[in-house]
Amino acid sequence: MSRNEQSVEILNDLVKINNDRIEGYERASKEARDEDADLKSTFSQMAAESRQYKQELSEKVSQMGAEPETGTRTDGKIYRMWMDVKAMFTGSSRKAVLENCEFGEDAAQRAYEEALNDSELSPELRQIVSRQQQSLRQSHDTIKRMRDSE
């Protein structure tokens, strides 16, 4: 596999992770109770963050002559976790919902770490991925702080 193909594969995996986050946080925001306005706002912000990152990554994939991914991760673990958020809101505490979201944020961090550990990324792509990972780390920490305060 060429360096370009490897880079496309790495970036498309990150696109899928961001698709997971978008879908999960949009659903979580819709399912949040009215008294959980702070969660709705946080979840909406995090979905918007991933839409921005997905767009940036997709543009790079297109510039490399490939098609950006449109789906979620095929391993299904994160996707199923996000889909369970609805059930969490109807039958569990805020803390349980935030714990579930933190699990998804942990998975996103792992995916970005794996991407940064790959030597095939150019310095430009590595910089983009690193910047996104740092921002996603802040989102992770926000979810964790919210969870810890429950």
N, C-alpha and C. Protein backbone atom coordinates (compact mmCIF):
# COMPACT_ATOMS: atom_id res chain seq x y z
N MET A 1 0.84 -1.17 0.00
CA MET A 1 0.00 0.00 0.00
C MET A 1 0.89 1.24 0.00
N SER A 2 0.57 2.19 -0.84
CA SER A 2 1.37 3.41 -0.94
C SER A 2 1.13 4.31 0.27
N ARG A 3 2.03 5.26 0.45
CA ARG A 3 1.89 6.22 1.55
C ARG A 3 0.58 6.98 1.44
N ASN A 4 0.23 7.38 0.21
CA ASN A 4 -1.02 8.10 -0.02
C ASN A 4 -2.23 7.25 0.38
N GLU A 5 -2.23 5.99 -0.04
CA GLU A 5 -3.34 5.09 0.31
C GLU A 5 -3.44 4.88 1.81
N GLN A 6 -2.29 4.73 2.45
CA GLN A 6 -2.27 4.54 3.90
C GLN A 6 -2.80 5.79 4.61
N SER A 7 -2.39 6.95 4.14
CA SER A 7 -2.88 8.20 4.73
C SER A 7 -4.38 8.36 4.55
N VAL A 8 -4.88 8.00 3.38
CA VAL A 8 -6.32 8.06 3.12
C VAL A 8 -7.06 7.14 4.10
N GLU A 9 -6.53 5.94 4.28
CA GLU A 9 -7.16 4.99 5.20
C GLU A 9 -7.20 5.54 6.63
N ILE A 10 -6.11 6.12 7.06
CA ILE A 10 -6.04 6.70 8.41
C ILE A 10 -7.04 7.84 8.55
N LEU A 11 -7.04 8.75 7.59
CA LEU A 11 -7.95 9.90 7.67
C LEU A 11 -9.41 9.45 7.61
N ASN A 12 -9.70 8.46 6.76
CA ASN A 12 -11.08 7.98 6.67
C ASN A 12 -11.53 7.30 7.95
N ASP A 13 -10.62 6.66 8.67
CA ASP A 13 -10.98 6.08 9.96
C ASP A 13 -11.36 7.19 10.94
N LEU A 14 -10.64 8.30 10.88
CA LEU A 14 -10.97 9.43 11.75
C LEU A 14 -12.27 10.10 11.32
N VAL A 15 -12.56 10.11 10.02
CA VAL A 15 -13.85 10.61 9.54
C VAL A 15 -14.97 9.76 10.16
N LYS A 16 -14.79 8.45 10.16
CA LYS A 16 -15.81 7.55 10.71
C LYS A 16 -15.98 7.77 12.21
N ILE A 17 -14.88 7.98 12.92
CA ILE A 17 -14.98 8.26 14.36
C ILE A 17 -15.79 9.53 14.58
N ASN A 18 -15.53 10.55 13.76
CA ASN A 18 -16.28 11.79 13.90
C ASN A 18 -17.74 11.60 13.51
N ASN A 19 -18.01 10.74 12.52
CA ASN A 19 -19.40 10.41 12.18
C ASN A 19 -20.09 9.75 13.38
N ASP A 20 -19.38 8.87 14.07
CA ASP A 20 -19.92 8.24 15.28
C ASP A 20 -20.28 9.30 16.32
N ARG A 21 -19.36 10.23 16.53
CA ARG A 21 -19.59 11.28 17.53
C ARG A 21 -20.79 12.15 17.14
N ILE A 22 -20.86 12.53 15.86
CA ILE A 22 -21.97 13.37 15.40
C ILE A 22 -23.30 12.66 15.66
N GLU A 23 -23.39 11.44 15.19
CA GLU A 23 -24.64 10.69 15.34
C GLU A 23 -25.00 10.49 16.80
N GLY A 24 -24.01 10.13 17.59
CA GLY A 24 -24.26 9.89 19.00
C GLY A 24 -24.69 11.13 19.75
N TYR A 25 -23.96 12.22 19.56
CA TYR A 25 -24.29 13.44 20.29
C TYR A 25 -25.57 14.09 19.78
N GLU A 26 -25.87 13.99 18.50
CA GLU A 26 -27.14 14.53 18.01
C GLU A 26 -28.30 13.76 18.63
N ARG A 27 -28.17 12.47 18.66
CA ARG A 27 -29.24 11.65 19.25
C ARG A 27 -29.36 11.93 20.75
N ALA A 28 -28.23 12.01 21.43
CA ALA A 28 -28.25 12.28 22.86
C ALA A 28 -28.89 13.63 23.15
N SER A 29 -28.58 14.63 22.33
CA SER A 29 -29.16 15.95 22.52
C SER A 29 -30.68 15.93 22.34
N LYS A 30 -31.14 15.19 21.33
CA LYS A 30 -32.59 15.09 21.09
C LYS A 30 -33.30 14.36 22.21
N GLU A 31 -32.63 13.38 22.79
CA GLU A 31 -33.26 12.54 23.81
C GLU A 31 -33.13 13.10 25.22
N ALA A 32 -32.30 14.11 25.41
CA ALA A 32 -32.11 14.68 26.74
C ALA A 32 -33.41 15.29 27.25
N ARG A 33 -33.61 15.16 28.54
CA ARG A 33 -34.81 15.74 29.16
C ARG A 33 -34.69 17.25 29.19
N ASP A 34 -35.83 17.93 29.29
CA ASP A 34 -35.84 19.39 29.31
C ASP A 34 -34.98 19.96 30.43
N GLU A 35 -34.97 19.28 31.58
CA GLU A 35 -34.18 19.78 32.71
C GLU A 35 -32.67 19.57 32.52
N ASP A 36 -32.31 18.89 31.45
CA ASP A 36 -30.89 18.65 31.14
C ASP A 36 -30.41 19.57 30.01
N ALA A 37 -30.80 20.83 30.10
CA ALA A 37 -30.43 21.80 29.06
C ALA A 37 -28.91 21.93 28.93
N ASP A 38 -28.20 21.81 30.04
CA ASP A 38 -26.74 21.90 29.96
C ASP A 38 -26.16 20.75 29.15
N LEU A 39 -26.72 19.56 29.29
CA LEU A 39 -26.26 18.42 28.50
C LEU A 39 -26.58 18.63 27.03
N LYS A 40 -27.80 19.09 26.75
CA LYS A 40 -28.19 19.33 25.36
C LYS A 40 -27.21 20.30 24.69
N SER A 41 -26.88 21.36 25.39
CA SER A 41 -25.97 22.36 24.84
C SER A 41 -24.58 21.77 24.62
N THR A 42 -24.08 21.05 25.60
CA THR A 42 -22.76 20.43 25.48
C THR A 42 -22.73 19.43 24.33
N PHE A 43 -23.76 18.60 24.24
CA PHE A 43 -23.81 17.58 23.19
C PHE A 43 -23.90 18.22 21.81
N SER A 44 -24.67 19.30 21.69
CA SER A 44 -24.77 20.00 20.41
C SER A 44 -23.43 20.60 20.00
N GLN A 45 -22.70 21.15 20.96
CA GLN A 45 -21.38 21.72 20.67
C GLN A 45 -20.42 20.63 20.21
N MET A 46 -20.49 19.47 20.83
CA MET A 46 -19.56 18.39 20.48
C MET A 46 -19.89 17.80 19.10
N ALA A 47 -21.16 17.75 18.76
CA ALA A 47 -21.54 17.30 17.42
C ALA A 47 -21.04 18.30 16.38
N ALA A 48 -21.16 19.59 16.67
CA ALA A 48 -20.67 20.62 15.75
C ALA A 48 -19.16 20.54 15.60
N GLU A 49 -18.46 20.26 16.69
CA GLU A 49 -17.01 20.10 16.64
C GLU A 49 -16.65 18.97 15.68
N SER A 50 -17.33 17.84 15.79
CA SER A 50 -17.01 16.71 14.92
C SER A 50 -17.41 16.97 13.47
N ARG A 51 -18.48 17.73 13.23
CA ARG A 51 -18.83 18.09 11.85
C ARG A 51 -17.69 18.89 11.22
N GLN A 52 -17.11 19.81 11.99
CA GLN A 52 -15.99 20.62 11.50
C GLN A 52 -14.79 19.72 11.20
N TYR A 53 -14.46 18.81 12.10
CA TYR A 53 -13.30 17.94 11.91
C TYR A 53 -13.51 16.98 10.75
N LYS A 54 -14.72 16.47 10.64
CA LYS A 54 -15.05 15.57 9.53
C LYS A 54 -14.84 16.30 8.20
N GLN A 55 -15.30 17.53 8.13
CA GLN A 55 -15.17 18.32 6.91
C GLN A 55 -13.70 18.53 6.57
N GLU A 56 -12.91 18.90 7.55
CA GLU A 56 -11.50 19.15 7.33
C GLU A 56 -10.78 17.88 6.85
N LEU A 57 -11.06 16.76 7.49
CA LEU A 57 -10.44 15.50 7.10
C LEU A 57 -10.91 15.06 5.72
N SER A 58 -12.20 15.21 5.46
CA SER A 58 -12.76 14.82 4.16
C SER A 58 -12.14 15.62 3.02
N GLU A 59 -11.90 16.90 3.25
CA GLU A 59 -11.26 17.73 2.22
C GLU A 59 -9.86 17.21 1.91
N LYS A 60 -9.13 16.80 2.94
CA LYS A 60 -7.78 16.26 2.71
C LYS A 60 -7.85 14.94 1.94
N VAL A 61 -8.81 14.10 2.27
CA VAL A 61 -8.98 12.83 1.55
C VAL A 61 -9.28 13.11 0.09
N SER A 62 -10.16 14.06 -0.18
CA SER A 62 -10.51 14.42 -1.56
C SER A 62 -9.29 14.98 -2.30
N GLN A 63 -8.49 15.79 -1.64
CA GLN A 63 -7.29 16.35 -2.25
C GLN A 63 -6.30 15.25 -2.63
N MET A 64 -6.36 14.12 -1.93
CA MET A 64 -5.47 13.00 -2.24
C MET A 64 -6.07 12.09 -3.30
N GLY A 65 -7.22 12.51 -3.88
CA GLY A 65 -7.82 11.76 -4.97
C GLY A 65 -8.67 10.59 -4.55
N ALA A 66 -9.14 10.58 -3.32
CA ALA A 66 -9.95 9.47 -2.82
C ALA A 66 -11.31 9.98 -2.35
N GLU A 67 -12.18 9.04 -2.09
CA GLU A 67 -13.53 9.36 -1.60
C GLU A 67 -13.55 9.34 -0.08
N PRO A 68 -14.04 10.42 0.53
CA PRO A 68 -14.17 10.42 1.99
C PRO A 68 -15.27 9.44 2.43
N GLU A 69 -15.06 8.86 3.59
CA GLU A 69 -16.05 7.95 4.17
C GLU A 69 -17.32 8.72 4.54
N THR A 70 -18.42 8.02 4.50
CA THR A 70 -19.69 8.63 4.90
C THR A 70 -20.34 7.87 6.04
N GLY A 71 -19.84 6.69 6.36
CA GLY A 71 -20.44 5.87 7.40
C GLY A 71 -19.74 5.99 8.73
N THR A 72 -20.07 5.04 9.61
CA THR A 72 -19.46 4.97 10.92
C THR A 72 -18.49 3.80 10.94
N ARG A 73 -17.82 3.62 12.03
CA ARG A 73 -16.83 2.54 12.13
C ARG A 73 -17.50 1.18 12.00
N THR A 74 -16.86 0.31 11.25
CA THR A 74 -17.46 -0.98 10.97
C THR A 74 -17.38 -1.94 12.13
N ASP A 75 -16.52 -1.69 13.11
CA ASP A 75 -16.46 -2.61 14.23
C ASP A 75 -17.72 -2.54 15.08
N GLY A 76 -18.47 -1.47 14.93
CA GLY A 76 -19.78 -1.37 15.55
C GLY A 76 -19.80 -1.06 17.03
N LYS A 77 -18.71 -1.21 17.73
CA LYS A 77 -18.73 -1.00 19.17
C LYS A 77 -19.16 0.41 19.54
N ILE A 78 -18.52 1.40 18.92
CA ILE A 78 -18.84 2.78 19.26
C ILE A 78 -20.23 3.12 18.77
N TYR A 79 -20.56 2.68 17.57
CA TYR A 79 -21.89 2.96 17.01
C TYR A 79 -22.98 2.43 17.92
N ARG A 80 -22.86 1.20 18.36
CA ARG A 80 -23.88 0.63 19.25
C ARG A 80 -23.93 1.37 20.57
N MET A 81 -22.77 1.76 21.08
CA MET A 81 -22.75 2.52 22.32
C MET A 81 -23.53 3.82 22.18
N TRP A 82 -23.30 4.52 21.07
CA TRP A 82 -24.02 5.77 20.88
C TRP A 82 -25.52 5.52 20.74
N MET A 83 -25.89 4.46 20.09
CA MET A 83 -27.32 4.18 19.92
C MET A 83 -27.98 3.83 21.24
N ASP A 84 -27.20 3.38 22.20
CA ASP A 84 -27.74 3.06 23.52
C ASP A 84 -27.99 4.31 24.35
N VAL A 85 -27.54 5.45 23.89
CA VAL A 85 -27.71 6.68 24.66
C VAL A 85 -29.20 6.96 24.91
N LYS A 86 -30.04 6.68 23.93
CA LYS A 86 -31.47 6.91 24.12
C LYS A 86 -31.99 6.13 25.31
N ALA A 87 -31.62 4.88 25.38
CA ALA A 87 -32.06 4.05 26.50
C ALA A 87 -31.49 4.60 27.81
N MET A 88 -30.29 5.11 27.75
CA MET A 88 -29.69 5.66 28.96
C MET A 88 -30.49 6.84 29.48
N PHE A 89 -30.97 7.69 28.56
CA PHE A 89 -31.72 8.86 29.01
C PHE A 89 -33.07 8.49 29.58
N THR A 90 -33.66 7.45 29.07
CA THR A 90 -34.99 7.11 29.56
C THR A 90 -34.95 6.27 30.82
N GLY A 91 -33.82 5.65 31.13
CA GLY A 91 -33.81 4.78 32.29
C GLY A 91 -32.63 4.92 33.22
N SER A 92 -31.77 5.87 33.01
CA SER A 92 -30.59 5.97 33.85
C SER A 92 -30.31 7.41 34.24
N SER A 93 -29.41 7.53 35.16
CA SER A 93 -29.05 8.85 35.68
C SER A 93 -28.18 9.62 34.70
N ARG A 94 -28.07 10.90 34.96
CA ARG A 94 -27.16 11.75 34.16
C ARG A 94 -25.75 11.19 34.22
N LYS A 95 -25.36 10.74 35.40
CA LYS A 95 -24.00 10.21 35.56
C LYS A 95 -23.78 9.02 34.63
N ALA A 96 -24.76 8.13 34.53
CA ALA A 96 -24.62 6.97 33.65
C ALA A 96 -24.52 7.40 32.19
N VAL A 97 -25.28 8.40 31.82
CA VAL A 97 -25.23 8.91 30.45
C VAL A 97 -23.84 9.48 30.17
N LEU A 98 -23.34 10.27 31.11
CA LEU A 98 -22.03 10.88 30.93
C LEU A 98 -20.92 9.83 30.93
N GLU A 99 -21.07 8.78 31.71
CA GLU A 99 -20.10 7.69 31.68
C GLU A 99 -20.08 7.03 30.31
N ASN A 100 -21.26 6.85 29.74
CA ASN A 100 -21.36 6.27 28.40
C ASN A 100 -20.70 7.18 27.36
N CYS A 101 -20.94 8.47 27.48
CA CYS A 101 -20.32 9.43 26.56
C CYS A 101 -18.80 9.44 26.74
N GLU A 102 -18.34 9.32 27.97
CA GLU A 102 -16.90 9.30 28.20
C GLU A 102 -16.27 8.07 27.54
N PHE A 103 -16.97 6.96 27.55
CA PHE A 103 -16.49 5.76 26.87
C PHE A 103 -16.26 6.07 25.38
N GLY A 104 -17.21 6.74 24.76
CA GLY A 104 -17.07 7.12 23.36
C GLY A 104 -15.92 8.09 23.14
N GLU A 105 -15.74 9.02 24.07
CA GLU A 105 -14.63 9.96 23.96
C GLU A 105 -13.29 9.23 24.12
N ASP A 106 -13.24 8.23 24.99
CA ASP A 106 -12.02 7.44 25.13
C ASP A 106 -11.68 6.73 23.82
N ALA A 107 -12.70 6.19 23.17
CA ALA A 107 -12.48 5.50 21.89
C ALA A 107 -11.98 6.47 20.82
N ALA A 108 -12.50 7.68 20.81
CA ALA A 108 -12.04 8.68 19.84
C ALA A 108 -10.57 9.01 20.11
N GLN A 109 -10.21 9.15 21.38
CA GLN A 109 -8.82 9.43 21.72
C GLN A 109 -7.89 8.31 21.24
N ARG A 110 -8.32 7.07 21.44
CA ARG A 110 -7.51 5.94 20.99
C ARG A 110 -7.32 5.96 19.47
N ALA A 111 -8.39 6.27 18.74
CA ALA A 111 -8.30 6.31 17.28
C ALA A 111 -7.33 7.39 16.82
N TYR A 112 -7.39 8.55 17.44
CA TYR A 112 -6.47 9.63 17.08
C TYR A 112 -5.04 9.27 17.46
N GLU A 113 -4.85 8.62 18.61
CA GLU A 113 -3.51 8.20 19.02
C GLU A 113 -2.93 7.20 18.03
N GLU A 114 -3.75 6.25 17.59
CA GLU A 114 -3.30 5.27 16.60
C GLU A 114 -2.89 5.97 15.30
N ALA A 115 -3.66 6.96 14.90
CA ALA A 115 -3.34 7.70 13.68
C ALA A 115 -2.00 8.42 13.82
N LEU A 116 -1.78 9.02 14.97
CA LEU A 116 -0.53 9.75 15.18
C LEU A 116 0.68 8.82 15.31
N ASN A 117 0.44 7.59 15.68
CA ASN A 117 1.53 6.61 15.79
C ASN A 117 1.93 6.03 14.44
N ASP A 118 1.15 6.29 13.41
CA ASP A 118 1.46 5.76 12.09
C ASP A 118 2.47 6.66 11.39
N SER A 119 3.54 6.08 10.94
CA SER A 119 4.62 6.86 10.32
C SER A 119 4.30 7.33 8.91
N GLU A 120 3.18 6.89 8.35
CA GLU A 120 2.84 7.26 6.97
C GLU A 120 2.26 8.67 6.84
N LEU A 121 1.81 9.26 7.92
CA LEU A 121 1.23 10.60 7.82
C LEU A 121 2.31 11.64 7.54
N SER A 122 2.01 12.52 6.60
CA SER A 122 2.92 13.63 6.30
C SER A 122 2.92 14.60 7.49
N PRO A 123 3.92 15.45 7.57
CA PRO A 123 3.94 16.44 8.66
C PRO A 123 2.68 17.32 8.68
N GLU A 124 2.19 17.69 7.51
CA GLU A 124 0.97 18.52 7.44
C GLU A 124 -0.23 17.77 8.02
N LEU A 125 -0.41 16.51 7.62
CA LEU A 125 -1.54 15.72 8.13
C LEU A 125 -1.38 15.44 9.61
N ARG A 126 -0.16 15.16 10.03
CA ARG A 126 0.10 14.90 11.44
C ARG A 126 -0.28 16.12 12.29
N GLN A 127 0.01 17.31 11.77
CA GLN A 127 -0.33 18.54 12.49
C GLN A 127 -1.85 18.69 12.62
N ILE A 128 -2.58 18.41 11.56
CA ILE A 128 -4.04 18.50 11.60
C ILE A 128 -4.61 17.49 12.61
N VAL A 129 -4.15 16.26 12.53
CA VAL A 129 -4.64 15.21 13.41
C VAL A 129 -4.30 15.54 14.87
N SER A 130 -3.12 16.03 15.11
CA SER A 130 -2.70 16.38 16.46
C SER A 130 -3.55 17.51 17.03
N ARG A 131 -3.80 18.53 16.22
CA ARG A 131 -4.64 19.65 16.66
C ARG A 131 -6.05 19.18 17.00
N GLN A 132 -6.62 18.34 16.14
CA GLN A 132 -7.96 17.81 16.41
C GLN A 132 -7.96 16.96 17.68
N GLN A 133 -6.94 16.13 17.85
CA GLN A 133 -6.89 15.28 19.03
C GLN A 133 -6.84 16.13 20.31
N GLN A 134 -6.06 17.19 20.29
CA GLN A 134 -5.96 18.05 21.47
C GLN A 134 -7.32 18.68 21.81
N SER A 135 -8.03 19.11 20.79
CA SER A 135 -9.35 19.68 21.01
C SER A 135 -10.33 18.63 21.52
N LEU A 136 -10.26 17.44 20.94
CA LEU A 136 -11.13 16.36 21.39
C LEU A 136 -10.79 15.95 22.82
N ARG A 137 -9.55 16.08 23.21
CA ARG A 137 -9.15 15.81 24.60
C ARG A 137 -9.86 16.77 25.53
N GLN A 138 -9.97 18.02 25.13
CA GLN A 138 -10.69 19.00 25.95
C GLN A 138 -12.16 18.62 26.08
N SER A 139 -12.75 18.12 25.00
CA SER A 139 -14.14 17.66 25.06
C SER A 139 -14.27 16.47 26.00
N HIS A 140 -13.33 15.55 25.90
CA HIS A 140 -13.31 14.40 26.80
C HIS A 140 -13.26 14.88 28.25
N ASP A 141 -12.38 15.83 28.53
CA ASP A 141 -12.23 16.33 29.89
C ASP A 141 -13.49 17.04 30.36
N THR A 142 -14.19 17.72 29.46
CA THR A 142 -15.46 18.37 29.81
C THR A 142 -16.48 17.32 30.24
N ILE A 143 -16.61 16.26 29.46
CA ILE A 143 -17.54 15.18 29.81
C ILE A 143 -17.15 14.56 31.16
N LYS A 144 -15.87 14.35 31.35
CA LYS A 144 -15.38 13.75 32.60
C LYS A 144 -15.70 14.66 33.79
N ARG A 145 -15.45 15.96 33.65
CA ARG A 145 -15.77 16.91 34.73
C ARG A 145 -17.26 16.88 35.05
N MET A 146 -18.08 16.86 34.01
CA MET A 146 -19.53 16.82 34.21
C MET A 146 -19.92 15.53 34.95
N ARG A 147 -19.32 14.43 34.54
CA ARG A 147 -19.61 13.13 35.18
C ARG A 147 -19.18 13.16 36.64
N ASP A 148 -17.99 13.68 36.89
CA ASP A 148 -17.47 13.70 38.26
C ASP A 148 -18.29 14.60 39.18
N SER A 149 -18.97 15.58 38.63
CA SER A 149 -19.76 16.50 39.45
C SER A 149 -21.14 15.93 39.79
N GLU A 150 -21.47 14.80 39.21
CA GLU A 150 -22.79 14.19 39.48
C GLU A 150 -22.76 13.41 40.78
